[in-house]
PDB file of N, CA and C in Angstrom:
ATOM      1  N   MET A   1     -16.003 -23.087 101.355  1.00  0.00           N
ATOM      2  CA  MET A   1     -14.615 -22.435 100.390  1.00  0.00           C
ATOM      3  C   MET A   1     -13.437 -23.412 100.834  1.00  0.00           C
ATOM      4  N   GLU A   2     -12.813 -23.000 102.426  1.00  0.00           N
ATOM      5  CA  GLU A   2     -11.786 -23.788 102.603  1.00  0.00           C
ATOM      6  C   GLU A   2     -11.642 -25.173 102.821  1.00  0.00           C
ATOM      7  N   GLU A   3     -12.833 -25.895 102.588  1.00  0.00           N
ATOM      8  CA  GLU A   3     -12.745 -27.543 102.119  1.00  0.00           C
ATOM      9  C   GLU A   3     -11.990 -27.564 100.774  1.00  0.00           C
ATOM     10  N   PHE A   4     -12.446 -26.523  99.528  1.00  0.00           N
ATOM     11  CA  PHE A   4     -12.044 -27.094  97.871  1.00  0.00           C
ATOM     12  C   PHE A   4     -10.315 -25.832  98.182  1.00  0.00           C
ATOM     13  N   ASN A   5     -10.205 -25.311  98.877  1.00  0.00           N
ATOM     14  CA  ASN A   5      -8.955 -24.814  98.461  1.00  0.00           C
ATOM     15  C   ASN A   5      -7.859 -25.278  98.474  1.00  0.00           C
ATOM     16  N   GLN A   6      -7.704 -26.761  98.937  1.00  0.00           N
ATOM     17  CA  GLN A   6      -6.173 -27.768  98.029  1.00  0.00           C
ATOM     18  C   GLN A   6      -6.317 -27.796  96.356  1.00  0.00           C
ATOM     19  N   GLU A   7      -7.938 -27.659  96.175  1.00  0.00           N
ATOM     20  CA  GLU A   7      -8.285 -27.708  94.875  1.00  0.00           C
ATOM     21  C   GLU A   7      -8.028 -26.894  93.990  1.00  0.00           C
ATOM     22  N   ASN A   8      -7.978 -25.797  94.254  1.00  0.00           N
ATOM     23  CA  ASN A   8      -8.228 -24.242  93.059  1.00  0.00           C
ATOM     24  C   ASN A   8      -7.502 -23.724  93.213  1.00  0.00           C
ATOM     25  N   PRO A   9      -7.040 -23.300  92.054  1.00  0.00           N
ATOM     26  CA  PRO A   9      -5.871 -22.568  92.023  1.00  0.00           C
ATOM     27  C   PRO A   9      -6.344 -21.059  93.207  1.00  0.00           C
ATOM     28  N   GLU A  10      -5.574 -20.565  93.728  1.00  0.00           N
ATOM     29  CA  GLU A  10      -5.879 -19.507  94.274  1.00  0.00           C
ATOM     30  C   GLU A  10      -6.629 -18.191  93.413  1.00  0.00           C
ATOM     31  N   GLU A  11      -6.571 -17.838  92.010  1.00  0.00           N
ATOM     32  CA  GLU A  11      -7.334 -16.821  91.858  1.00  0.00           C
ATOM     33  C   GLU A  11      -8.380 -17.314  91.400  1.00  0.00           C
ATOM     34  N   ALA A  12      -8.995 -18.465  91.564  1.00  0.00           N
ATOM     35  CA  ALA A  12     -10.389 -18.634  91.281  1.00  0.00           C
ATOM     36  C   ALA A  12     -10.869 -19.115  92.471  1.00  0.00           C
ATOM     37  N   LEU A  13      -9.997 -19.102  93.486  1.00  0.00           N
ATOM     38  CA  LEU A  13     -10.860 -19.019  94.868  1.00  0.00           C
ATOM     39  C   LEU A  13     -10.891 -17.195  95.411  1.00  0.00           C
ATOM     40  N   LYS A  14      -9.853 -16.524  94.575  1.00  0.00           N
ATOM     41  CA  LYS A  14     -10.210 -15.182  94.609  1.00  0.00           C
ATOM     42  C   LYS A  14     -12.120 -14.533  94.189  1.00  0.00           C
ATOM     43  N   ILE A  15     -11.780 -15.502  92.816  1.00  0.00           N
ATOM     44  CA  ILE A  15     -13.520 -14.725  91.744  1.00  0.00           C
ATOM     45  C   ILE A  15     -14.532 -15.625  92.993  1.00  0.00           C
ATOM     46  N   TYR A  16     -14.021 -16.749  93.399  1.00  0.00           N
ATOM     47  CA  TYR A  16     -15.831 -17.446  93.977  1.00  0.00           C
ATOM     48  C   TYR A  16     -16.255 -16.217  95.119  1.00  0.00           C
ATOM     49  N   THR A  17     -15.142 -16.463  95.659  1.00  0.00           N
ATOM     50  CA  THR A  17     -15.221 -15.543  97.391  1.00  0.00           C
ATOM     51  C   THR A  17     -15.881 -13.943  97.211  1.00  0.00           C
ATOM     52  N   ALA A  18     -15.123 -12.937  95.940  1.00  0.00           N
ATOM     53  CA  ALA A  18     -16.172 -12.136  95.389  1.00  0.00           C
ATOM     54  C   ALA A  18     -17.324 -12.772  94.765  1.00  0.00           C
ATOM     55  N   LYS A  19     -17.791 -13.382  94.221  1.00  0.00           N
ATOM     56  CA  LYS A  19     -18.929 -13.668  93.873  1.00  0.00           C
ATOM     57  C   LYS A  19     -20.052 -14.327  94.921  1.00  0.00           C
ATOM     58  N   ILE A  20     -19.648 -14.830  95.630  1.00  0.00           N
ATOM     59  CA  ILE A  20     -20.299 -15.010  97.235  1.00  0.00           C
ATOM     60  C   ILE A  20     -20.346 -14.258  97.818  1.00  0.00           C
ATOM     61  N   ASN A  21     -19.531 -12.739  97.698  1.00  0.00           N
ATOM     62  CA  ASN A  21     -19.848 -11.533  98.642  1.00  0.00           C
ATOM     63  C   ASN A  21     -21.066 -10.737  98.110  1.00  0.00           C
ATOM     64  N   GLU A  22     -21.387 -11.257  96.871  1.00  0.00           N
ATOM     65  CA  GLU A  22     -22.200 -10.060  95.830  1.00  0.00           C
ATOM     66  C   GLU A  22     -23.460 -10.502  95.663  1.00  0.00           C
ATOM     67  N   LEU A  23     -23.707 -11.849  96.814  1.00  0.00           N
ATOM     68  CA  LEU A  23     -25.094 -12.655  96.371  1.00  0.00           C
ATOM     69  C   LEU A  23     -26.051 -11.411  96.668  1.00  0.00           C
ATOM     70  N   ASN A  24     -26.097 -11.010  97.998  1.00  0.00           N
ATOM     71  CA  ASN A  24     -27.296  -9.928  98.202  1.00  0.00           C
ATOM     72  C   ASN A  24     -27.396  -8.523  96.968  1.00  0.00           C
ATOM     73  N   ASN A  25     -26.365  -8.093  96.486  1.00  0.00           N
ATOM     74  CA  ASN A  25     -26.430  -6.979  95.619  1.00  0.00           C
ATOM     75  C   ASN A  25     -27.436  -7.047  94.356  1.00  0.00           C
ATOM     76  N   PRO A  26     -27.657  -5.783  94.592  1.00  0.00           N
ATOM     77  CA  PRO A  26     -28.700  -5.589  93.176  1.00  0.00           C
ATOM     78  C   PRO A  26     -28.595  -6.127  92.155  1.00  0.00           C
ATOM     79  N   THR A  27     -29.304  -6.819  91.149  1.00  0.00           N
ATOM     80  CA  THR A  27     -29.404  -7.134  89.780  1.00  0.00           C
ATOM     81  C   THR A  27     -28.700  -6.057  88.640  1.00  0.00           C
ATOM     82  N   ASN A  28     -28.350  -5.890  87.768  1.00  0.00           N
ATOM     83  CA  ASN A  28     -28.475  -5.329  86.841  1.00  0.00           C
ATOM     84  C   ASN A  28     -29.417  -4.420  86.324  1.00  0.00           C
ATOM     85  N   SER A  29     -30.638  -5.291  86.277  1.00  0.00           N
ATOM     86  CA  SER A  29     -31.408  -4.667  85.805  1.00  0.00           C
ATOM     87  C   SER A  29     -32.376  -4.063  87.030  1.00  0.00           C
ATOM     88  N   LYS A  30     -31.998  -4.042  88.472  1.00  0.00           N
ATOM     89  CA  LYS A  30     -32.332  -3.179  89.292  1.00  0.00           C
ATOM     90  C   LYS A  30     -31.745  -2.165  89.926  1.00  0.00           C
ATOM     91  N   LYS A  31     -30.694  -2.346  88.917  1.00  0.00           N
ATOM     92  CA  LYS A  31     -29.850  -1.374  89.454  1.00  0.00           C
ATOM     93  C   LYS A  31     -30.055  -0.071  88.265  1.00  0.00           C
ATOM     94  N   LEU A  32     -30.376  -0.674  86.858  1.00  0.00           N
ATOM     95  CA  LEU A  32     -30.979   0.325  85.626  1.00  0.00           C
ATOM     96  C   LEU A  32     -31.795   0.999  86.154  1.00  0.00           C
ATOM     97  N   SER A  33     -33.493  -0.085  86.459  1.00  0.00           N
ATOM     98  CA  SER A  33     -34.192   0.656  87.125  1.00  0.00           C
ATOM     99  C   SER A  33     -34.208   1.606  88.461  1.00  0.00           C
ATOM    100  N   TYR A  34     -33.602   1.805  88.918  1.00  0.00           N
ATOM    101  CA  TYR A  34     -33.535   2.767  89.948  1.00  0.00           C
ATOM    102  C   TYR A  34     -33.676   4.329  90.050  1.00  0.00           C
ATOM    103  N   PRO A  35     -33.144   5.158  88.947  1.00  0.00           N
ATOM    104  CA  PRO A  35     -32.910   6.597  88.580  1.00  0.00           C
ATOM    105  C   PRO A  35     -33.605   6.576  87.962  1.00  0.00           C
ATOM    106  N   PHE A  36     -34.996   5.699  87.262  1.00  0.00           N
ATOM    107  CA  PHE A  36     -36.411   6.166  86.852  1.00  0.00           C
ATOM    108  C   PHE A  36     -37.394   6.400  88.195  1.00  0.00           C
ATOM    109  N   GLN A  37     -37.084   5.280  88.957  1.00  0.00           N
ATOM    110  CA  GLN A  37     -37.278   5.315  90.505  1.00  0.00           C
ATOM    111  C   GLN A  37     -37.146   6.321  91.536  1.00  0.00           C
ATOM    112  N   LEU A  38     -36.390   7.062  91.686  1.00  0.00           N
ATOM    113  CA  LEU A  38     -35.540   8.231  91.793  1.00  0.00           C
ATOM    114  C   LEU A  38     -36.311   9.312  91.271  1.00  0.00           C
ATOM    115  N   TYR A  39     -36.265   9.019  90.085  1.00  0.00           N
ATOM    116  CA  TYR A  39     -37.088  10.683  89.478  1.00  0.00           C
ATOM    117  C   TYR A  39     -38.351  10.296  89.373  1.00  0.00           C
ATOM    118  N   LYS A  40     -39.065   9.649  89.727  1.00  0.00           N
ATOM    119  CA  LYS A  40     -40.313   9.513  89.551  1.00  0.00           C
ATOM    120  C   LYS A  40     -40.941   9.244  87.908  1.00  0.00           C
ATOM    121  N   ILE A  41     -40.026   8.587  87.467  1.00  0.00           N
ATOM    122  CA  ILE A  41     -40.471   8.126  86.126  1.00  0.00           C
ATOM    123  C   ILE A  41     -41.153   7.097  86.180  1.00  0.00           C
ATOM    124  N   ASN A  42     -42.487   7.200  85.443  1.00  0.00           N
ATOM    125  CA  ASN A  42     -43.173   5.556  85.453  1.00  0.00           C
ATOM    126  C   ASN A  42     -42.501   4.390  84.198  1.00  0.00           C
ATOM    127  N   LEU A  43     -41.794   3.291  84.223  1.00  0.00           N
ATOM    128  CA  LEU A  43     -41.940   2.360  82.928  1.00  0.00           C
ATOM    129  C   LEU A  43     -42.927   1.661  82.565  1.00  0.00           C
ATOM    130  N   SER A  44     -43.159   1.489  81.564  1.00  0.00           N
ATOM    131  CA  SER A  44     -43.905   0.565  81.021  1.00  0.00           C
ATOM    132  C   SER A  44     -43.173  -1.033  81.226  1.00  0.00           C
ATOM    133  N   ILE A  45     -44.006  -1.883  81.207  1.00  0.00           N
ATOM    134  CA  ILE A  45     -43.798  -2.932  80.912  1.00  0.00           C
ATOM    135  C   ILE A  45     -42.392  -3.338  79.591  1.00  0.00           C
ATOM    136  N   GLU A  46     -43.309  -3.155  78.658  1.00  0.00           N
ATOM    137  CA  GLU A  46     -42.559  -2.874  77.623  1.00  0.00           C
ATOM    138  C   GLU A  46     -40.862  -2.007  77.547  1.00  0.00           C
ATOM    139  N   GLU A  47     -40.751  -0.889  78.508  1.00  0.00           N
ATOM    140  CA  GLU A  47     -39.641  -0.129  78.322  1.00  0.00           C
ATOM    141  C   GLU A  47     -39.095  -0.777  79.683  1.00  0.00           C
ATOM    142  N   ILE A  48     -39.337  -1.941  80.321  1.00  0.00           N
ATOM    143  CA  ILE A  48     -38.603  -2.659  81.317  1.00  0.00           C
ATOM    144  C   ILE A  48     -38.102  -3.377  80.889  1.00  0.00           C
ATOM    145  N   GLU A  49     -39.083  -3.731  79.591  1.00  0.00           N
ATOM    146  CA  GLU A  49     -37.935  -5.334  79.029  1.00  0.00           C
ATOM    147  C   GLU A  49     -36.874  -4.796  78.248  1.00  0.00           C
ATOM    148  N   ILE A  50     -37.634  -3.739  77.575  1.00  0.00           N
ATOM    149  CA  ILE A  50     -35.974  -2.958  76.598  1.00  0.00           C
ATOM    150  C   ILE A  50     -34.798  -2.334  76.933  1.00  0.00           C
ATOM    151  N   LEU A  51     -35.102  -1.855  78.405  1.00  0.00           N
ATOM    152  CA  LEU A  51     -33.986  -1.662  79.339  1.00  0.00           C
ATOM    153  C   LEU A  51     -33.238  -2.432  79.993  1.00  0.00           C
ATOM    154  N   ASN A  52     -33.839  -3.834  79.289  1.00  0.00           N
ATOM    155  CA  ASN A  52     -32.868  -5.046  79.569  1.00  0.00           C
ATOM    156  C   ASN A  52     -31.670  -5.768  78.697  1.00  0.00           C
ATOM    157  N   HIS A  53     -32.427  -5.289  77.520  1.00  0.00           N
ATOM    158  CA  HIS A  53     -31.754  -5.370  76.096  1.00  0.00           C
ATOM    159  C   HIS A  53     -30.231  -5.119  76.448  1.00  0.00           C
ATOM    160  N   ARG A  54     -30.361  -3.335  76.749  1.00  0.00           N
ATOM    161  CA  ARG A  54     -29.134  -2.334  77.232  1.00  0.00           C
ATOM    162  C   ARG A  54     -27.753  -3.005  77.100  1.00  0.00           C
ATOM    163  N   ASN A  55     -28.184  -4.283  78.291  1.00  0.00           N
ATOM    164  CA  ASN A  55     -26.817  -5.196  78.820  1.00  0.00           C
ATOM    165  C   ASN A  55     -26.048  -5.811  78.020  1.00  0.00           C
ATOM    166  N   LYS A  56     -27.272  -6.458  76.824  1.00  0.00           N
ATOM    167  CA  LYS A  56     -27.041  -7.188  75.249  1.00  0.00           C
ATOM    168  C   LYS A  56     -26.202  -6.548  74.663  1.00  0.00           C
ATOM    169  N   PHE A  57     -26.713  -4.741  74.313  1.00  0.00           N
ATOM    170  CA  PHE A  57     -25.631  -4.756  73.565  1.00  0.00           C
ATOM    171  C   PHE A  57     -24.672  -4.053  74.124  1.00  0.00           C
ATOM    172  N   LEU A  58     -24.601  -3.327  75.401  1.00  0.00           N
ATOM    173  CA  LEU A  58     -22.765  -3.071  76.442  1.00  0.00           C
ATOM    174  C   LEU A  58     -22.029  -4.504  76.004  1.00  0.00           C
ATOM    175  N   HIS A  59     -22.726  -5.660  76.132  1.00  0.00           N
ATOM    176  CA  HIS A  59     -21.204  -6.727  75.953  1.00  0.00           C
ATOM    177  C   HIS A  59     -21.154  -6.917  74.131  1.00  0.00           C
ATOM    178  N   GLY A  60     -21.535  -6.253  73.357  1.00  0.00           N
ATOM    179  CA  GLY A  60     -21.550  -6.200  71.770  1.00  0.00           C
ATOM    180  C   GLY A  60     -22.550  -7.775  71.488  1.00  0.00           C
ATOM    181  N   SER A  61     -23.642  -7.933  71.830  1.00  0.00           N
ATOM    182  CA  SER A  61     -24.512  -9.103  71.049  1.00  0.00           C
ATOM    183  C   SER A  61     -25.787  -8.142  70.761  1.00  0.00           C
ATOM    184  N   SER A  62     -26.621  -9.277  70.591  1.00  0.00           N
ATOM    185  CA  SER A  62     -28.017  -8.165  69.784  1.00  0.00           C
ATOM    186  C   SER A  62     -28.915  -9.192  70.829  1.00  0.00           C
ATOM    187  N   PRO A  63     -30.622  -8.103  71.064  1.00  0.00           N
ATOM    188  CA  PRO A  63     -31.529  -9.100  71.451  1.00  0.00           C
ATOM    189  C   PRO A  63     -31.915 -10.310  70.487  1.00  0.00           C
ATOM    190  N   PHE A  64     -31.266 -10.168  69.420  1.00  0.00           N
ATOM    191  CA  PHE A  64     -31.652 -11.378  68.079  1.00  0.00           C
ATOM    192  C   PHE A  64     -31.065 -12.128  67.772  1.00  0.00           C
ATOM    193  N   GLU A  65     -31.530 -13.076  66.747  1.00  0.00           N
ATOM    194  CA  GLU A  65     -30.294 -14.137  66.336  1.00  0.00           C
ATOM    195  C   GLU A  65     -29.432 -13.471  65.368  1.00  0.00           C
ATOM    196  N   GLU A  66     -28.666 -13.712  65.353  1.00  0.00           N
ATOM    197  CA  GLU A  66     -27.720 -13.134  63.819  1.00  0.00           C
ATOM    198  C   GLU A  66     -28.689 -13.425  62.595  1.00  0.00           C
ATOM    199  N   THR A  67     -28.858 -14.172  62.402  1.00  0.00           N
ATOM    200  CA  THR A  67     -29.729 -15.082  61.116  1.00  0.00           C
ATOM    201  C   THR A  67     -31.180 -14.139  61.148  1.00  0.00           C
ATOM    202  N   GLU A  68     -31.449 -13.115  62.168  1.00  0.00           N
ATOM    203  CA  GLU A  68     -32.827 -12.650  62.219  1.00  0.00           C
ATOM    204  C   GLU A  68     -32.236 -11.410  61.513  1.00  0.00           C
ATOM    205  N   LEU A  69     -31.245 -10.942  62.075  1.00  0.00           N
ATOM    206  CA  LEU A  69     -30.752  -8.851  62.217  1.00  0.00           C
ATOM    207  C   LEU A  69     -31.305  -8.493  61.292  1.00  0.00           C
ATOM    208  N   ILE A  70     -30.895  -9.274  59.422  1.00  0.00           N
ATOM    209  CA  ILE A  70     -31.455  -8.690  58.633  1.00  0.00           C
ATOM    210  C   ILE A  70     -32.915  -8.068  58.638  1.00  0.00           C
ATOM    211  N   ASP A  71     -34.202  -9.143  58.857  1.00  0.00           N
ATOM    212  CA  ASP A  71     -35.408  -8.799  59.429  1.00  0.00           C
ATOM    213  C   ASP A  71     -35.787  -7.959  60.384  1.00  0.00           C
ATOM    214  N   LYS A  72     -34.785  -7.545  61.201  1.00  0.00           N
ATOM    215  CA  LYS A  72     -35.014  -6.836  62.537  1.00  0.00           C
ATOM    216  C   LYS A  72     -34.783  -5.341  62.911  1.00  0.00           C
ATOM    217  N   LYS A  73     -34.423  -5.502  61.593  1.00  0.00           N
ATOM    218  CA  LYS A  73     -33.705  -3.693  61.794  1.00  0.00           C
ATOM    219  C   LYS A  73     -34.865  -2.525  62.150  1.00  0.00           C
ATOM    220  N   TYR A  74     -36.073  -2.482  62.003  1.00  0.00           N
ATOM    221  CA  TYR A  74     -37.300  -1.738  61.972  1.00  0.00           C
ATOM    222  C   TYR A  74     -37.396  -1.698  63.862  1.00  0.00           C
ATOM    223  N   GLU A  75     -37.408  -3.149  64.644  1.00  0.00           N
ATOM    224  CA  GLU A  75     -36.837  -3.406  65.849  1.00  0.00           C
ATOM    225  C   GLU A  75     -35.886  -3.168  66.793  1.00  0.00           C
ATOM    226  N   LEU A  76     -34.760  -3.447  65.896  1.00  0.00           N
ATOM    227  CA  LEU A  76     -34.057  -2.788  66.393  1.00  0.00           C
ATOM    228  C   LEU A  76     -33.512  -1.591  66.662  1.00  0.00           C
ATOM    229  N   LYS A  77     -34.248  -0.771  65.300  1.00  0.00           N
ATOM    230  CA  LYS A  77     -34.292   0.865  65.431  1.00  0.00           C
ATOM    231  C   LYS A  77     -35.143   1.111  66.617  1.00  0.00           C
ATOM    232  N   PHE A  78     -36.328   0.542  66.938  1.00  0.00           N
ATOM    233  CA  PHE A  78     -37.368   0.604  68.287  1.00  0.00           C
ATOM    234  C   PHE A  78     -36.458   0.755  69.148  1.00  0.00           C
ATOM    235  N   ILE A  79     -36.083  -0.186  70.076  1.00  0.00           N
ATOM    236  CA  ILE A  79     -35.288  -0.719  70.781  1.00  0.00           C
ATOM    237  C   ILE A  79     -34.616   0.636  71.354  1.00  0.00           C
ATOM    238  N   ILE A  80     -33.300   0.728  70.179  1.00  0.00           N
ATOM    239  CA  ILE A  80     -32.743   2.017  70.470  1.00  0.00           C
ATOM    240  C   ILE A  80     -33.422   3.192  70.994  1.00  0.00           C
ATOM    241  N   ALA A  81     -34.146   3.354  69.930  1.00  0.00           N
ATOM    242  CA  ALA A  81     -35.354   4.601  70.282  1.00  0.00           C
ATOM    243  C   ALA A  81     -35.795   4.718  71.517  1.00  0.00           C
ATOM    244  N   HIS A  82     -35.818   3.438  72.093  1.00  0.00           N
ATOM    245  CA  HIS A  82     -36.733   3.445  73.474  1.00  0.00           C
ATOM    246  C   HIS A  82     -35.666   3.951  74.300  1.00  0.00           C
ATOM    247  N   LEU A  83     -34.694   3.492  74.424  1.00  0.00           N
ATOM    248  CA  LEU A  83     -33.730   3.600  75.519  1.00  0.00           C
ATOM    249  C   LEU A  83     -33.502   4.926  75.428  1.00  0.00           C
ATOM    250  N   LYS A  84     -32.823   5.912  74.026  1.00  0.00           N
ATOM    251  CA  LYS A  84     -32.581   6.589  73.712  1.00  0.00           C
ATOM    252  C   LYS A  84     -33.349   7.760  74.695  1.00  0.00           C
ATOM    253  N   PHE A  85     -34.754   7.464  74.611  1.00  0.00           N
ATOM    254  CA  PHE A  85     -35.867   8.029  74.670  1.00  0.00           C
ATOM    255  C   PHE A  85     -35.679   8.282  76.456  1.00  0.00           C
ATOM    256  N   MET A  86     -35.739   7.366  76.791  1.00  0.00           N
ATOM    257  CA  MET A  86     -35.459   6.756  78.241  1.00  0.00           C
ATOM    258  C   MET A  86     -34.148   7.808  78.877  1.00  0.00           C
ATOM    259  N   ILE A  87     -33.109   7.762  78.629  1.00  0.00           N
ATOM    260  CA  ILE A  87     -32.099   8.223  78.894  1.00  0.00           C
ATOM    261  C   ILE A  87     -32.096  10.232  78.590  1.00  0.00           C
ATOM    262  N   ASN A  88     -33.358  10.378  77.569  1.00  0.00           N
ATOM    263  CA  ASN A  88     -33.809  11.719  78.155  1.00  0.00           C
ATOM    264  C   ASN A  88     -34.241  11.888  78.749  1.00  0.00           C
ATOM    265  N   CYS A  89     -35.439  11.393  79.104  1.00  0.00           N
ATOM    266  CA  CYS A  89     -36.483  11.732  80.254  1.00  0.00           C
ATOM    267  C   CYS A  89     -35.535  11.885  81.698  1.00  0.00           C
ATOM    268  N   LEU A  90     -34.480  10.938  81.743  1.00  0.00           N
ATOM    269  CA  LEU A  90     -34.044  10.881  82.815  1.00  0.00           C
ATOM    270  C   LEU A  90     -32.272  12.270  82.656  1.00  0.00           C
ATOM    271  N   MET A  91     -31.767  12.808  81.813  1.00  0.00           N
ATOM    272  CA  MET A  91     -31.489  14.017  82.220  1.00  0.00           C
ATOM    273  C   MET A  91     -32.394  15.349  82.057  1.00  0.00           C
ATOM    274  N   LEU A  92     -33.469  15.067  81.607  1.00  0.00           N
ATOM    275  CA  LEU A  92     -34.196  16.247  81.586  1.00  0.00           C
ATOM    276  C   LEU A  92     -34.865  16.226  83.299  1.00  0.00           C
ATOM    277  N   LYS A  93     -34.870  15.187  83.720  1.00  0.00           N
ATOM    278  CA  LYS A  93     -35.854  14.784  85.046  1.00  0.00           C
ATOM    279  C   LYS A  93     -34.265  15.714  86.091  1.00  0.00           C
ATOM    280  N   TYR A  94     -33.132  15.281  85.809  1.00  0.00           N
ATOM    281  CA  TYR A  94     -31.888  15.811  86.554  1.00  0.00           C
ATOM    282  C   TYR A  94     -31.539  17.373  86.545  1.00  0.00           C
ATOM    283  N   VAL A  95     -32.343  17.958  85.074  1.00  0.00           N
ATOM    284  CA  VAL A  95     -31.837  19.290  85.263  1.00  0.00           C
ATOM    285  C   VAL A  95     -33.136  19.564  85.857  1.00  0.00           C
ATOM    286  N   ASP A  96     -34.102  19.329  86.716  1.00  0.00           N
ATOM    287  CA  ASP A  96     -35.267  19.710  87.195  1.00  0.00           C
ATOM    288  C   ASP A  96     -36.366  20.175  85.918  1.00  0.00           C
ATOM    289  N   TYR A  97     -36.238  19.074  84.923  1.00  0.00           N
ATOM    290  CA  TYR A  97     -37.266  19.733  84.030  1.00  0.00           C
ATOM    291  C   TYR A  97     -38.385  19.146  84.311  1.00  0.00           C
ATOM    292  N   SER A  98     -40.286  19.562  84.157  1.00  0.00           N
ATOM    293  CA  SER A  98     -41.401  18.511  84.581  1.00  0.00           C
ATOM    294  C   SER A  98     -42.223  19.188  83.476  1.00  0.00           C
ATOM    295  N   GLY A  99     -42.305  18.872  82.945  1.00  0.00           N
ATOM    296  CA  GLY A  99     -43.686  18.708  81.454  1.00  0.00           C
ATOM    297  C   GLY A  99     -43.383  17.775  80.318  1.00  0.00           C
ATOM    298  N   HIS A 100     -43.835  18.461  79.068  1.00  0.00           N
ATOM    299  CA  HIS A 100     -44.176  17.204  78.279  1.00  0.00           C
ATOM    300  C   HIS A 100     -43.156  16.842  77.494  1.00  0.00           C
ATOM    301  N   ILE A 101     -42.519  15.917  76.847  1.00  0.00           N
ATOM    302  CA  ILE A 101     -41.544  15.408  75.892  1.00  0.00           C
ATOM    303  C   ILE A 101     -41.945  14.399  75.213  1.00  0.00           C
ATOM    304  N   VAL A 102     -41.762  14.944  73.793  1.00  0.00           N
ATOM    305  CA  VAL A 102     -41.864  14.241  73.074  1.00  0.00           C
ATOM    306  C   VAL A 102     -41.491  12.553  72.673  1.00  0.00           C
ATOM    307  N   ASN A 103     -42.449  11.660  72.680  1.00  0.00           N
ATOM    308  CA  ASN A 103     -42.072  10.633  72.831  1.00  0.00           C
ATOM    309  C   ASN A 103     -41.834   9.779  71.487  1.00  0.00           C
ATOM    310  N   ASN A 104     -40.471   9.694  71.697  1.00  0.00           N
ATOM    311  CA  ASN A 104     -39.877   9.180  70.090  1.00  0.00           C
ATOM    312  C   ASN A 104     -40.170   8.351  69.350  1.00  0.00           C
ATOM    313  N   PRO A 105     -40.400   6.940  70.389  1.00  0.00           N
ATOM    314  CA  PRO A 105     -40.825   5.172  69.602  1.00  0.00           C
ATOM    315  C   PRO A 105     -42.079   5.267  69.488  1.00  0.00           C
ATOM    316  N   ALA A 106     -43.104   6.533  70.266  1.00  0.00           N
ATOM    317  CA  ALA A 106     -44.172   6.699  69.624  1.00  0.00           C
ATOM    318  C   ALA A 106     -44.455   6.870  68.297  1.00  0.00           C
ATOM    319  N   LEU A 107     -43.601   8.179  67.947  1.00  0.00           N
ATOM    320  CA  LEU A 107     -43.667   9.198  67.085  1.00  0.00           C
ATOM    321  C   LEU A 107     -43.001   8.118  66.260  1.00  0.00           C
ATOM    322  N   MET A 108     -42.038   7.515  66.211  1.00  0.00           N
ATOM    323  CA  MET A 108     -41.541   6.483  64.835  1.00  0.00           C
ATOM    324  C   MET A 108     -42.745   5.344  64.864  1.00  0.00           C
ATOM    325  N   GLU A 109     -43.383   4.956  65.542  1.00  0.00           N
ATOM    326  CA  GLU A 109     -44.564   4.168  65.099  1.00  0.00           C
ATOM    327  C   GLU A 109     -45.750   5.122  64.445  1.00  0.00           C
ATOM    328  N   TYR A 110     -45.695   5.680  64.627  1.00  0.00           N
ATOM    329  CA  TYR A 110     -46.793   6.616  64.049  1.00  0.00           C
ATOM    330  C   TYR A 110     -46.827   7.217  62.288  1.00  0.00           C
ATOM    331  N   ASN A 111     -45.303   7.347  62.343  1.00  0.00           N
ATOM    332  CA  ASN A 111     -44.765   7.143  60.801  1.00  0.00           C
ATOM    333  C   ASN A 111     -44.574   6.080  60.431  1.00  0.00           C
ATOM    334  N   THR A 112     -44.865   4.823  60.346  1.00  0.00           N
ATOM    335  CA  THR A 112     -44.274   3.154  60.180  1.00  0.00           C
ATOM    336  C   THR A 112     -45.508   2.297  60.298  1.00  0.00           C
ATOM    337  N   LYS A 113     -46.711   2.343  61.063  1.00  0.00           N
ATOM    338  CA  LYS A 113     -46.988   1.648  61.755  1.00  0.00           C
ATOM    339  C   LYS A 113     -48.735   2.158  61.330  1.00  0.00           C
ATOM    340  N   GLU A 114     -50.173   1.376  61.099  1.00  0.00           N
ATOM    341  CA  GLU A 114     -51.154   1.843  61.216  1.00  0.00           C
ATOM    342  C   GLU A 114     -51.592   2.220  62.665  1.00  0.00           C
ATOM    343  N   THR A 115     -51.233   1.700  63.924  1.00  0.00           N
ATOM    344  CA  THR A 115     -51.693   1.693  65.424  1.00  0.00           C
ATOM    345  C   THR A 115     -50.169   1.910  65.763  1.00  0.00           C
ATOM    346  N   ILE A 116     -50.631   2.810  66.865  1.00  0.00           N
ATOM    347  CA  ILE A 116     -49.192   2.914  67.634  1.00  0.00           C
ATOM    348  C   ILE A 116     -49.646   2.632  69.036  1.00  0.00           C
ATOM    349  N   SER A 117     -48.844   2.544  70.306  1.00  0.00           N
ATOM    350  CA  SER A 117     -49.247   1.646  71.569  1.00  0.00           C
ATOM    351  C   SER A 117     -48.553   2.810  72.590  1.00  0.00           C
ATOM    352  N   ASN A 118     -48.245   3.468  72.166  1.00  0.00           N
ATOM    353  CA  ASN A 118     -47.964   5.146  73.769  1.00  0.00           C
ATOM    354  C   ASN A 118     -48.931   5.906  73.007  1.00  0.00           C
ATOM    355  N   HIS A 119     -48.701   7.141  74.159  1.00  0.00           N
ATOM    356  CA  HIS A 119     -48.947   8.509  73.405  1.00  0.00           C
ATOM    357  C   HIS A 119     -47.923   9.224  72.953  1.00  0.00           C
ATOM    358  N   LEU A 120     -47.687  10.133  71.560  1.00  0.00           N
ATOM    359  CA  LEU A 120     -46.911  10.861  71.466  1.00  0.00           C
ATOM    360  C   LEU A 120     -46.164  11.925  71.973  1.00  0.00           C
ATOM    361  N   PHE A 121     -46.694  12.451  73.034  1.00  0.00           N
ATOM    362  CA  PHE A 121     -45.975  13.241  74.244  1.00  0.00           C
ATOM    363  C   PHE A 121     -46.397  12.475  75.675  1.00  0.00           C
ATOM    364  N   ARG A 122     -45.198  12.459  76.159  1.00  0.00           N
ATOM    365  CA  ARG A 122     -45.205  11.715  77.583  1.00  0.00           C
ATOM    366  C   ARG A 122     -44.973  12.863  78.834  1.00  0.00           C
ATOM    367  N   ILE A 123     -45.734  13.089  79.838  1.00  0.00           N
ATOM    368  CA  ILE A 123     -45.459  14.293  80.781  1.00  0.00           C
ATOM    369  C   ILE A 123     -44.710  13.471  81.892  1.00  0.00           C
ATOM    370  N   ILE A 124     -43.354  13.916  82.097  1.00  0.00           N
ATOM    371  CA  ILE A 124     -42.235  13.701  83.235  1.00  0.00           C
ATOM    372  C   ILE A 124     -42.380  14.740  84.321  1.00  0.00           C
TER     373      ILE A 124
END
């Protein structure tokens, strides 16, 4: 960094230094999945993938291309239902709830598709 000190503006060096200092920090997806590990909530592979979509929504984009959005309304609703379900699981575990919870994404599949990929209830 000191070698390039003369070539870069001071503000750029601050940014580079901050980024270098954060190299060993966990990624956003690791940070997002940690509360589920803490409360011993097992996430499926699909839920982990959906959890990664959260950043796209947070930054104002979509997991799909803009030209696909009209045809992907169900998929967007499904992703949102999963995110809400996962948040509900965390909130219920936070208040020490243990027991059954309605799996809204599976209920959504049950009402719209011939087959469902998850159980209608989950034990947390």
